[in-house]
Amino acid sequence: MMNALPVVVVVGSPNAGKSTLVNRLSGSRQAVVHETPGVTRDRKEIEVEWGGRSLLMIDTGGYDTNEDSPYAGHIREQVELAIASADVVVFVVDGRSGLVGDDHEIAAVLRRARLPVLLAANKLDDPAVLVAAPDLYQLGLGEPVIVSAVHGLGTGDLLDRILAEVGAQRPGEAELPDAPAEIPVALVGRPNAGKSSLFNAIVGSQRTIVSDIAGTTRDSIDTAVTTPEGTFRFIDTAGMRKAAKVSGVEYYSYLRSVQSLDRAQVAVIVVDATMRFGELDLSIAAEATRRDCATVIAVNKTDLTEGDLDLEEIEGIARRKLRQRPLVIPVSAVTRRGLKQVLSVVAALGAKYAAHISTGELNRALAVLSADRPLPMKRGKRLKMYYIAQFGTSPPRFAIEVNDRTLVTRDFGFFVENRLRARFEMDGVPLIIDFKGKK
């Protein structure tokens, strides 16, 4: 299932006391603690509750810029992936011994990430000692929170600060994140597919010019709509023809339609039920996919087909030829058939577009798909997949660590994407997967 808990990533140089602090904050001993620097190599996720709220805390390996250190490059990559998935970062430094060179490098990485950062000065049993460590302010990350992971000093204050930054969920609340306050939606399709009529039926007023002459709409028009299904910003666009057949003013309308996809999270591909579902419809859907939109197909004008519509044929073509495998919904702008279903699907796609899937769930899915099919092999060397994590949303972005990315074939990449899509019910949602060679 998707994890809507706010993500708190704990970073720091080796032996700054990150894992001890994570154990103290979570009230557990799940993070491995040892006096030897660098014991924590991979990320570990621990659910933490505080003040009746829940959040997901990720303990990371020590960020070590010394290239001679074992696994240093691998650990740095894992830390940076974790930071990319964070809602807030807790940067732990050794407040007793003072800053080390790695701390300045970590601070630079965090400043580039443009995320909320809480600086935790650890190992300070006596707050007065902080006066002797003015260099902590040189990191440019604000007032340090004084903590002692061993004795529990200041950990409640740190948790309060974390909750103030991210909010957090109460235990038992829905796992899917709320859909965005306003989901940007582009209505796209061939000329005269009935986009403007569908748009007006949704909006409930004649906002755009509706005509039987193909190509009436020249510009993209934005309208915010609040419905029981959610709040949407609809972009009614000019009809899209094949680029080679577009000229004059239609060329600029085509460009605006394409640009509207760049502003949208979800694209409703409007298809004319009175015409054969063909290459132009597929190319429009593929263009929306290339521009990282979630997609759903709305087959319009079903009121004119008198039962002749072969919806199963369209669904079969969409599943075979479209990467996202979008849902196909019969609609009618005239009778308002299917409008609520389209809005419900768009709202669900908007929520999944912004969702975060827990690393544990992802790695369990990766283990299953690895066992279901032999991994690719070249010249006697077989692909190995070590780890998967989500490092971005809107759209969802994943990184899979492998032994050698040159072993990943195009066919196998699609296999992984399709299996993840099926496992997490992400039909219609773009999944961006990066295969990263192990350093």
Protein backbone atom coordinates (compact mmCIF):
# COMPACT_ATOMS: atom_id res chain seq x y z
CA MET A 1 0.00 0.00 0.00
CA MET A 2 1.07 3.60 -0.40
CA ASN A 3 2.60 5.32 2.56
CA ALA A 4 1.30 8.81 3.30
CA LEU A 5 3.39 9.32 6.43
CA PRO A 6 5.69 12.35 6.39
CA VAL A 7 9.26 11.25 5.73
CA VAL A 8 12.00 12.44 8.11
CA VAL A 9 15.54 11.60 7.00
CA VAL A 10 18.34 11.62 9.59
CA VAL A 11 21.78 12.36 8.15
CA GLY A 12 25.22 13.10 9.49
CA SER A 13 28.89 12.21 9.31
CA PRO A 14 30.10 8.80 10.54
CA ASN A 15 29.74 8.35 14.30
CA ALA A 16 27.81 11.57 14.89
CA GLY A 17 25.29 9.48 16.82
CA LYS A 18 22.53 9.27 14.21
CA SER A 19 21.45 5.72 14.97
CA THR A 20 21.49 6.28 18.74
CA LEU A 21 19.32 9.35 18.22
CA VAL A 22 16.91 7.46 15.93
CA ASN A 23 16.58 4.72 18.55
CA ARG A 24 15.89 7.33 21.23
CA LEU A 25 13.30 9.17 19.11
CA SER A 26 11.53 5.97 18.08
CA GLY A 27 11.76 4.26 21.46
CA SER A 28 13.28 1.22 19.78
CA ARG A 29 16.64 -0.39 19.08
CA GLN A 30 16.05 -1.06 15.39
CA ALA A 31 18.99 1.06 14.23
CA VAL A 32 22.37 -0.62 14.68
CA VAL A 33 24.63 1.29 17.08
CA HIS A 34 28.38 0.77 17.47
CA GLU A 35 31.36 2.93 18.33
CA THR A 36 32.99 2.09 14.99
CA PRO A 37 32.16 4.80 12.41
CA GLY A 38 30.22 3.67 9.36
CA VAL A 39 28.32 0.75 10.90
CA THR A 40 25.07 1.92 9.27
CA ARG A 41 25.50 1.43 5.53
CA ASP A 42 21.97 1.28 4.15
CA ARG A 43 18.85 3.21 4.99
CA LYS A 44 16.52 1.86 7.67
CA GLU A 45 12.90 2.97 7.98
CA ILE A 46 11.29 3.20 11.42
CA GLU A 47 7.78 4.44 12.17
CA VAL A 48 7.72 6.97 15.01
CA GLU A 49 4.74 8.24 17.02
CA TRP A 50 4.79 11.47 19.00
CA GLY A 51 1.93 13.53 20.38
CA GLY A 52 -0.62 11.17 18.82
CA ARG A 53 0.94 11.63 15.38
CA SER A 54 2.92 9.27 13.16
CA LEU A 55 5.85 9.81 10.83
CA LEU A 56 8.39 7.69 9.00
CA MET A 57 12.00 8.18 10.12
CA ILE A 58 14.85 7.00 7.91
CA ASP A 59 18.26 6.31 9.47
CA THR A 60 21.06 6.67 6.90
CA GLY A 61 24.70 5.66 6.72
CA GLY A 62 27.43 8.10 7.73
CA TYR A 63 28.16 10.56 4.91
CA ASP A 64 31.89 10.10 4.35
CA THR A 65 33.76 12.11 1.70
CA ASN A 66 36.90 9.98 2.09
CA GLU A 67 37.05 7.92 -1.10
CA ASP A 68 39.33 5.38 0.58
CA SER A 69 36.60 4.42 3.05
CA PRO A 70 34.80 1.16 2.16
CA TYR A 71 31.39 1.72 0.57
CA ALA A 72 31.76 5.51 0.90
CA GLY A 73 30.47 6.24 -2.60
CA HIS A 74 27.59 3.80 -2.23
CA ILE A 75 26.58 5.28 1.14
CA ARG A 76 26.70 8.85 -0.18
CA GLU A 77 24.40 7.85 -3.05
CA GLN A 78 21.97 6.20 -0.64
CA VAL A 79 21.98 9.28 1.60
CA GLU A 80 21.28 11.60 -1.33
CA LEU A 81 18.43 9.35 -2.53
CA ALA A 82 16.95 9.47 0.95
CA ILE A 83 17.24 13.27 1.07
CA ALA A 84 15.40 13.49 -2.26
CA SER A 85 12.44 11.62 -0.73
CA ALA A 86 12.35 13.63 2.51
CA ASP A 87 9.79 16.11 3.81
CA VAL A 88 12.27 17.30 6.44
CA VAL A 89 15.89 16.43 7.21
CA VAL A 90 17.45 16.13 10.67
CA PHE A 91 21.18 16.87 10.34
CA VAL A 92 23.04 15.37 13.32
CA VAL A 93 26.46 16.74 14.26
CA ASP A 94 28.75 15.93 17.16
CA GLY A 95 28.23 19.01 19.33
CA ARG A 96 30.89 17.91 21.80
CA SER A 97 33.79 17.34 19.38
CA GLY A 98 32.80 20.06 16.90
CA LEU A 99 32.41 20.02 13.14
CA VAL A 100 34.40 17.88 10.75
CA GLY A 101 34.97 18.36 7.03
CA ASP A 102 32.15 15.97 6.14
CA ASP A 103 29.68 18.20 8.02
CA HIS A 104 30.37 21.14 5.71
CA GLU A 105 29.88 18.92 2.65
CA ILE A 106 26.57 17.60 4.04
CA ALA A 107 25.40 21.16 4.75
CA ALA A 108 26.15 22.09 1.12
CA VAL A 109 24.12 19.11 -0.14
CA LEU A 110 21.19 20.10 2.09
CA ARG A 111 21.25 23.72 0.99
CA ARG A 112 21.04 22.59 -2.64
CA ALA A 113 18.10 20.30 -1.80
CA ARG A 114 16.01 23.28 -0.60
CA LEU A 115 14.30 21.25 2.12
CA PRO A 116 13.43 22.11 5.73
CA VAL A 117 16.50 21.15 7.81
CA LEU A 118 16.76 20.83 11.59
CA LEU A 119 20.31 20.92 12.93
CA ALA A 120 20.67 18.60 15.95
CA ALA A 121 23.80 19.15 18.09
CA ASN A 122 24.21 15.71 19.66
CA LYS A 123 26.25 14.42 22.62
CA LEU A 124 25.62 17.58 24.65
CA ASP A 125 24.69 16.58 28.19
CA ASP A 126 25.20 20.19 29.30
CA PRO A 127 23.53 22.87 27.12
CA ALA A 128 26.15 25.39 28.27
CA VAL A 129 28.74 23.48 26.26
CA LEU A 130 27.11 24.76 23.07
CA VAL A 131 28.55 28.19 23.81
CA ALA A 132 31.97 26.69 23.12
CA ALA A 133 30.87 25.53 19.68
CA PRO A 134 30.03 28.70 17.70
CA ASP A 135 31.14 27.00 14.49
CA LEU A 136 27.77 25.21 14.39
CA TYR A 137 26.20 28.49 13.27
CA GLN A 138 28.62 28.68 10.36
CA LEU A 139 26.67 25.92 8.62
CA GLY A 140 23.91 28.45 7.90
CA LEU A 141 21.14 26.07 9.00
CA GLY A 142 19.70 28.10 11.85
CA GLU A 143 19.55 27.57 15.59
CA PRO A 144 20.79 24.10 16.62
CA VAL A 145 18.55 21.87 18.71
CA ILE A 146 20.59 20.66 21.69
CA VAL A 147 20.20 16.93 22.24
CA SER A 148 21.83 14.02 23.98
CA ALA A 149 20.73 10.77 22.36
CA VAL A 150 22.25 8.74 25.19
CA HIS A 151 20.45 10.56 28.00
CA GLY A 152 17.35 11.74 26.10
CA LEU A 153 18.06 15.44 26.62
CA GLY A 154 16.18 17.63 24.15
CA THR A 155 14.69 14.78 22.12
CA GLY A 156 11.12 15.84 22.91
CA ASP A 157 11.91 19.37 21.72
CA LEU A 158 13.38 17.92 18.52
CA LEU A 159 10.25 15.84 17.86
CA ASP A 160 8.09 18.92 18.47
CA ARG A 161 10.15 20.83 15.91
CA ILE A 162 9.81 17.98 13.41
CA LEU A 163 6.02 17.89 13.78
CA ALA A 164 5.87 21.66 13.42
CA GLU A 165 7.69 21.34 10.08
CA VAL A 166 5.76 18.45 8.53
CA GLY A 167 2.53 18.04 10.46
CA ALA A 168 2.02 14.24 10.53
CA GLN A 169 -0.71 11.66 10.39
CA ARG A 170 -2.69 10.29 13.26
CA PRO A 171 -2.41 6.49 13.46
CA GLY A 172 -5.12 4.81 11.40
CA GLU A 173 -5.68 7.71 9.02
CA ALA A 174 -5.93 6.95 5.31
CA GLU A 175 -2.75 5.69 3.67
CA LEU A 176 -3.26 7.59 0.43
CA PRO A 177 -2.22 11.24 0.69
CA ASP A 178 -4.85 13.83 0.12
CA ALA A 179 -5.17 14.76 -3.52
CA PRO A 180 -3.62 18.14 -4.26
CA ALA A 181 -5.81 21.12 -3.37
CA GLU A 182 -6.26 21.61 -7.11
CA ILE A 183 -5.34 18.91 -9.63
CA PRO A 184 -4.24 20.38 -12.99
CA VAL A 185 -6.02 18.45 -15.76
CA ALA A 186 -5.56 18.80 -19.53
CA LEU A 187 -8.36 17.78 -21.89
CA VAL A 188 -6.64 16.70 -25.11
CA GLY A 189 -7.71 14.89 -28.23
CA ARG A 190 -8.12 15.09 -31.98
CA PRO A 191 -10.10 18.02 -33.46
CA ASN A 192 -13.86 17.77 -32.99
CA ALA A 193 -13.67 14.91 -30.50
CA GLY A 194 -16.00 16.92 -28.26
CA LYS A 195 -13.47 18.25 -25.74
CA SER A 196 -15.16 21.63 -25.39
CA SER A 197 -18.60 20.07 -24.97
CA LEU A 198 -17.20 17.70 -22.36
CA PHE A 199 -15.43 20.60 -20.67
CA ASN A 200 -18.63 22.66 -20.57
CA ALA A 201 -20.61 19.70 -19.21
CA ILE A 202 -18.11 19.39 -16.36
CA VAL A 203 -17.89 23.13 -15.67
CA GLY A 204 -21.63 23.61 -16.03
CA SER A 205 -21.47 26.74 -18.19
CA GLN A 206 -20.61 27.73 -21.74
CA ARG A 207 -17.04 28.78 -21.00
CA THR A 208 -15.73 27.87 -24.47
CA ILE A 209 -17.13 28.15 -27.97
CA VAL A 210 -18.78 24.88 -29.01
CA SER A 211 -19.22 24.24 -32.73
CA ASP A 212 -19.48 21.36 -35.19
CA ILE A 213 -16.60 22.89 -37.17
CA ALA A 214 -13.36 21.16 -36.24
CA GLY A 215 -10.72 23.47 -34.79
CA THR A 216 -12.97 26.09 -33.19
CA THR A 217 -10.95 26.24 -29.97
CA ARG A 218 -7.61 27.96 -30.62
CA ASP A 219 -6.30 28.51 -27.10
CA SER A 220 -5.90 26.65 -23.83
CA ILE A 221 -8.36 27.91 -21.22
CA ASP A 222 -8.07 27.24 -17.48
CA THR A 223 -11.10 26.85 -15.23
CA ALA A 224 -11.11 25.78 -11.57
CA VAL A 225 -13.95 23.40 -10.72
CA THR A 226 -14.95 22.10 -7.29
CA THR A 227 -17.03 18.91 -7.27
CA PRO A 228 -17.85 16.20 -4.70
CA GLU A 229 -15.00 14.21 -6.28
CA GLY A 230 -12.40 16.95 -5.73
CA THR A 231 -11.08 20.30 -6.95
CA PHE A 232 -9.63 20.45 -10.44
CA ARG A 233 -8.12 23.04 -12.76
CA PHE A 234 -9.25 22.02 -16.23
CA ILE A 235 -7.34 23.12 -19.29
CA ASP A 236 -9.53 22.89 -22.40
CA THR A 237 -7.14 22.70 -25.34
CA ALA A 238 -7.23 23.07 -29.06
CA GLY A 239 -7.57 19.83 -31.03
CA MET A 240 -4.29 18.08 -31.76
CA ARG A 241 -3.45 16.86 -35.25
CA LYS A 242 -0.28 15.15 -36.33
CA ALA A 243 2.49 17.74 -36.26
CA ALA A 244 3.30 17.20 -39.95
CA LYS A 245 -0.26 18.23 -40.89
CA VAL A 246 -0.33 21.39 -38.78
CA SER A 247 0.36 24.82 -40.26
CA GLY A 248 -0.43 28.50 -39.78
CA VAL A 249 -2.53 29.43 -36.75
CA GLU A 250 -3.22 25.74 -36.09
CA TYR A 251 0.51 25.23 -35.52
CA TYR A 252 0.47 27.68 -32.61
CA SER A 253 -2.70 26.11 -31.23
CA TYR A 254 -0.95 22.75 -31.41
CA LEU A 255 2.03 24.16 -29.51
CA ARG A 256 -0.26 25.54 -26.81
CA SER A 257 -1.95 22.15 -26.49
CA VAL A 258 1.42 20.47 -26.03
CA GLN A 259 2.43 23.13 -23.50
CA SER A 260 -0.79 22.52 -21.57
CA LEU A 261 0.42 18.97 -20.98
CA ASP A 262 3.53 20.40 -19.33
CA ARG A 263 1.27 22.21 -16.85
CA ALA A 264 -0.97 19.23 -16.16
CA GLN A 265 -0.67 16.28 -13.81
CA VAL A 266 -3.50 14.33 -15.44
CA ALA A 267 -4.44 14.23 -19.13
CA VAL A 268 -7.93 13.16 -20.18
CA ILE A 269 -7.57 11.77 -23.71
CA VAL A 270 -10.91 12.54 -25.36
CA VAL A 271 -11.78 10.06 -28.11
CA ASP A 272 -14.65 10.32 -30.61
CA ALA A 273 -16.85 7.22 -30.28
CA THR A 274 -18.15 7.71 -33.83
CA MET A 275 -14.64 7.31 -35.27
CA ARG A 276 -12.22 4.41 -35.12
CA PHE A 277 -9.77 4.51 -32.22
CA GLY A 278 -6.60 4.98 -34.23
CA GLU A 279 -3.00 6.07 -34.48
CA LEU A 280 -3.74 9.77 -33.86
CA ASP A 281 -5.48 8.97 -30.56
CA LEU A 282 -2.58 6.72 -29.56
CA SER A 283 0.01 9.36 -30.49
CA ILE A 284 -1.81 12.00 -28.38
CA ALA A 285 -1.87 9.63 -25.41
CA ALA A 286 1.83 8.82 -25.97
CA GLU A 287 2.64 12.55 -26.04
CA ALA A 288 0.92 12.98 -22.67
CA THR A 289 2.99 10.09 -21.31
CA ARG A 290 6.22 11.62 -22.65
CA ARG A 291 5.35 14.78 -20.74
CA ASP A 292 4.89 12.85 -17.48
CA CYS A 293 1.10 13.16 -17.27
CA ALA A 294 -1.13 10.51 -15.77
CA THR A 295 -3.73 9.48 -18.35
CA VAL A 296 -7.32 8.28 -18.68
CA ILE A 297 -9.23 7.77 -21.94
CA ALA A 298 -12.73 9.28 -22.18
CA VAL A 299 -14.67 7.89 -25.17
CA ASN A 300 -17.07 10.74 -25.92
CA LYS A 301 -20.28 10.92 -28.01
CA THR A 302 -21.49 7.50 -26.86
CA ASP A 303 -25.03 8.87 -27.21
CA LEU A 304 -24.53 8.71 -31.00
CA THR A 305 -23.30 5.12 -31.27
CA GLU A 306 -26.63 3.39 -30.48
CA GLY A 307 -24.95 0.35 -28.92
CA ASP A 308 -22.37 -0.06 -31.70
CA LEU A 309 -19.43 1.00 -29.51
CA ASP A 310 -16.88 -1.79 -29.02
CA LEU A 311 -15.40 -0.65 -25.74
CA GLU A 312 -13.49 -3.90 -25.24
CA GLU A 313 -11.61 -3.33 -28.50
CA ILE A 314 -10.50 0.13 -27.37
CA GLU A 315 -9.47 -1.23 -23.96
CA GLY A 316 -7.46 -4.00 -25.62
CA ILE A 317 -5.64 -1.58 -27.93
CA ALA A 318 -4.90 0.78 -25.03
CA ARG A 319 -3.43 -2.02 -22.90
CA ARG A 320 -1.31 -3.38 -25.74
CA LYS A 321 0.00 -0.13 -27.16
CA LEU A 322 0.01 2.45 -24.35
CA ARG A 323 2.71 2.24 -21.72
CA GLN A 324 0.59 3.49 -18.81
CA ARG A 325 -2.33 1.11 -19.56
CA PRO A 326 -4.93 3.84 -18.86
CA LEU A 327 -8.54 3.18 -17.94
CA VAL A 328 -11.14 3.61 -20.71
CA ILE A 329 -14.42 5.28 -19.72
CA PRO A 330 -17.48 5.76 -21.98
CA VAL A 331 -18.89 9.28 -21.62
CA SER A 332 -21.34 11.67 -23.22
CA ALA A 333 -21.20 15.42 -22.89
CA VAL A 334 -24.85 15.56 -24.00
CA THR A 335 -26.37 13.04 -21.55
CA ARG A 336 -23.61 13.54 -18.91
CA ARG A 337 -22.98 9.80 -18.90
CA GLY A 338 -19.74 8.86 -17.15
CA LEU A 339 -18.78 12.38 -16.02
CA LYS A 340 -18.69 11.50 -12.32
CA GLN A 341 -16.63 8.40 -13.07
CA VAL A 342 -14.10 10.46 -15.03
CA LEU A 343 -13.79 12.94 -12.17
CA SER A 344 -13.38 10.12 -9.63
CA VAL A 345 -10.64 8.52 -11.74
CA VAL A 346 -8.89 11.87 -12.22
CA ALA A 347 -8.95 12.46 -8.45
CA ALA A 348 -7.52 8.99 -7.81
CA LEU A 349 -4.80 9.52 -10.43
CA GLY A 350 -3.93 12.87 -8.85
CA ALA A 351 -3.52 11.21 -5.45
CA LYS A 352 -1.39 8.37 -6.83
CA TYR A 353 0.66 10.86 -8.85
CA ALA A 354 1.73 12.50 -5.58
CA ALA A 355 1.93 9.31 -3.49
CA HIS A 356 4.97 7.82 -1.74
CA ILE A 357 5.36 4.04 -1.55
CA SER A 358 7.31 2.71 1.41
CA THR A 359 10.76 1.31 0.76
CA GLY A 360 9.84 -1.94 2.50
CA GLU A 361 6.85 -2.54 0.21
CA LEU A 362 8.94 -1.71 -2.85
CA ASN A 363 11.72 -4.13 -1.94
CA ARG A 364 9.26 -6.93 -1.23
CA ALA A 365 7.76 -6.36 -4.69
CA LEU A 366 11.26 -6.31 -6.21
CA ALA A 367 12.09 -9.66 -4.60
CA VAL A 368 8.91 -11.25 -6.02
CA LEU A 369 9.44 -10.03 -9.57
CA SER A 370 13.12 -11.05 -9.45
CA ALA A 371 12.04 -14.60 -8.61
CA ASP A 372 9.37 -14.73 -11.32
CA ARG A 373 11.67 -14.22 -14.29
CA PRO A 374 15.37 -14.95 -14.96
CA LEU A 375 17.34 -11.70 -14.85
CA PRO A 376 19.13 -10.65 -18.06
CA MET A 377 22.65 -11.93 -18.68
CA LYS A 378 25.38 -10.80 -21.09
CA ARG A 379 28.69 -12.54 -21.71
CA GLY A 380 28.21 -14.76 -18.70
CA LYS A 381 27.44 -11.88 -16.33
CA ARG A 382 23.93 -11.80 -14.86
CA LEU A 383 22.08 -8.71 -13.68
CA LYS A 384 21.61 -8.37 -9.93
CA MET A 385 19.11 -5.98 -8.35
CA TYR A 386 20.01 -4.99 -4.79
CA TYR A 387 17.62 -2.28 -3.65
CA ILE A 388 14.77 -0.04 -4.74
CA ALA A 389 13.59 3.25 -3.24
CA GLN A 390 11.28 6.04 -4.28
CA PHE A 391 13.12 9.35 -4.47
CA GLY A 392 10.48 11.62 -5.91
CA THR A 393 6.77 12.21 -6.51
CA SER A 394 4.62 14.06 -9.04
CA PRO A 395 5.32 11.87 -10.94
CA PRO A 396 6.60 8.91 -8.89
CA ARG A 397 10.33 8.35 -9.39
CA PHE A 398 12.24 5.26 -8.33
CA ALA A 399 15.88 4.18 -8.26
CA ILE A 400 16.94 0.54 -8.45
CA GLU A 401 20.51 -0.23 -7.51
CA VAL A 402 22.03 -2.92 -9.73
CA ASN A 403 25.48 -4.44 -10.20
CA ASP A 404 25.81 -3.24 -13.83
CA ARG A 405 23.23 -1.03 -15.55
CA THR A 406 24.45 -2.10 -19.02
CA LEU A 407 22.86 -5.49 -18.31
CA VAL A 408 19.37 -3.92 -18.13
CA THR A 409 17.59 -4.55 -21.41
CA ARG A 410 14.75 -2.39 -22.71
CA ASP A 411 12.39 -5.37 -22.49
CA PHE A 412 13.38 -6.08 -18.88
CA GLY A 413 12.94 -2.40 -17.94
CA PHE A 414 9.36 -2.52 -19.24
CA PHE A 415 8.80 -5.80 -17.37
CA VAL A 416 9.84 -4.19 -14.07
CA GLU A 417 7.68 -1.14 -14.73
CA ASN A 418 4.62 -3.24 -15.61
CA ARG A 419 5.00 -5.44 -12.55
CA LEU A 420 5.36 -2.47 -10.21
CA ARG A 421 2.39 -0.80 -11.89
CA ALA A 422 0.25 -3.90 -11.36
CA ARG A 423 1.46 -4.49 -7.79
CA PHE A 424 0.67 -0.96 -6.60
CA GLU A 425 -2.43 -0.38 -8.77
CA MET A 426 -0.82 2.44 -10.73
CA ASP A 427 -2.58 2.02 -14.10
CA GLY A 428 -2.59 5.38 -15.84
CA VAL A 429 0.24 6.81 -13.71
CA PRO A 430 3.73 7.50 -15.10
CA LEU A 431 6.46 5.55 -13.31
CA ILE A 432 10.00 6.82 -13.82
CA ILE A 433 12.56 4.15 -12.97
CA ASP A 434 16.32 4.74 -12.91
CA PHE A 435 18.66 1.76 -12.84
CA LYS A 436 21.84 2.81 -11.06
CA GLY A 437 25.10 0.87 -11.21
CA LYS A 438 26.61 0.09 -7.81
CA LYS A 439 29.63 2.19 -6.97
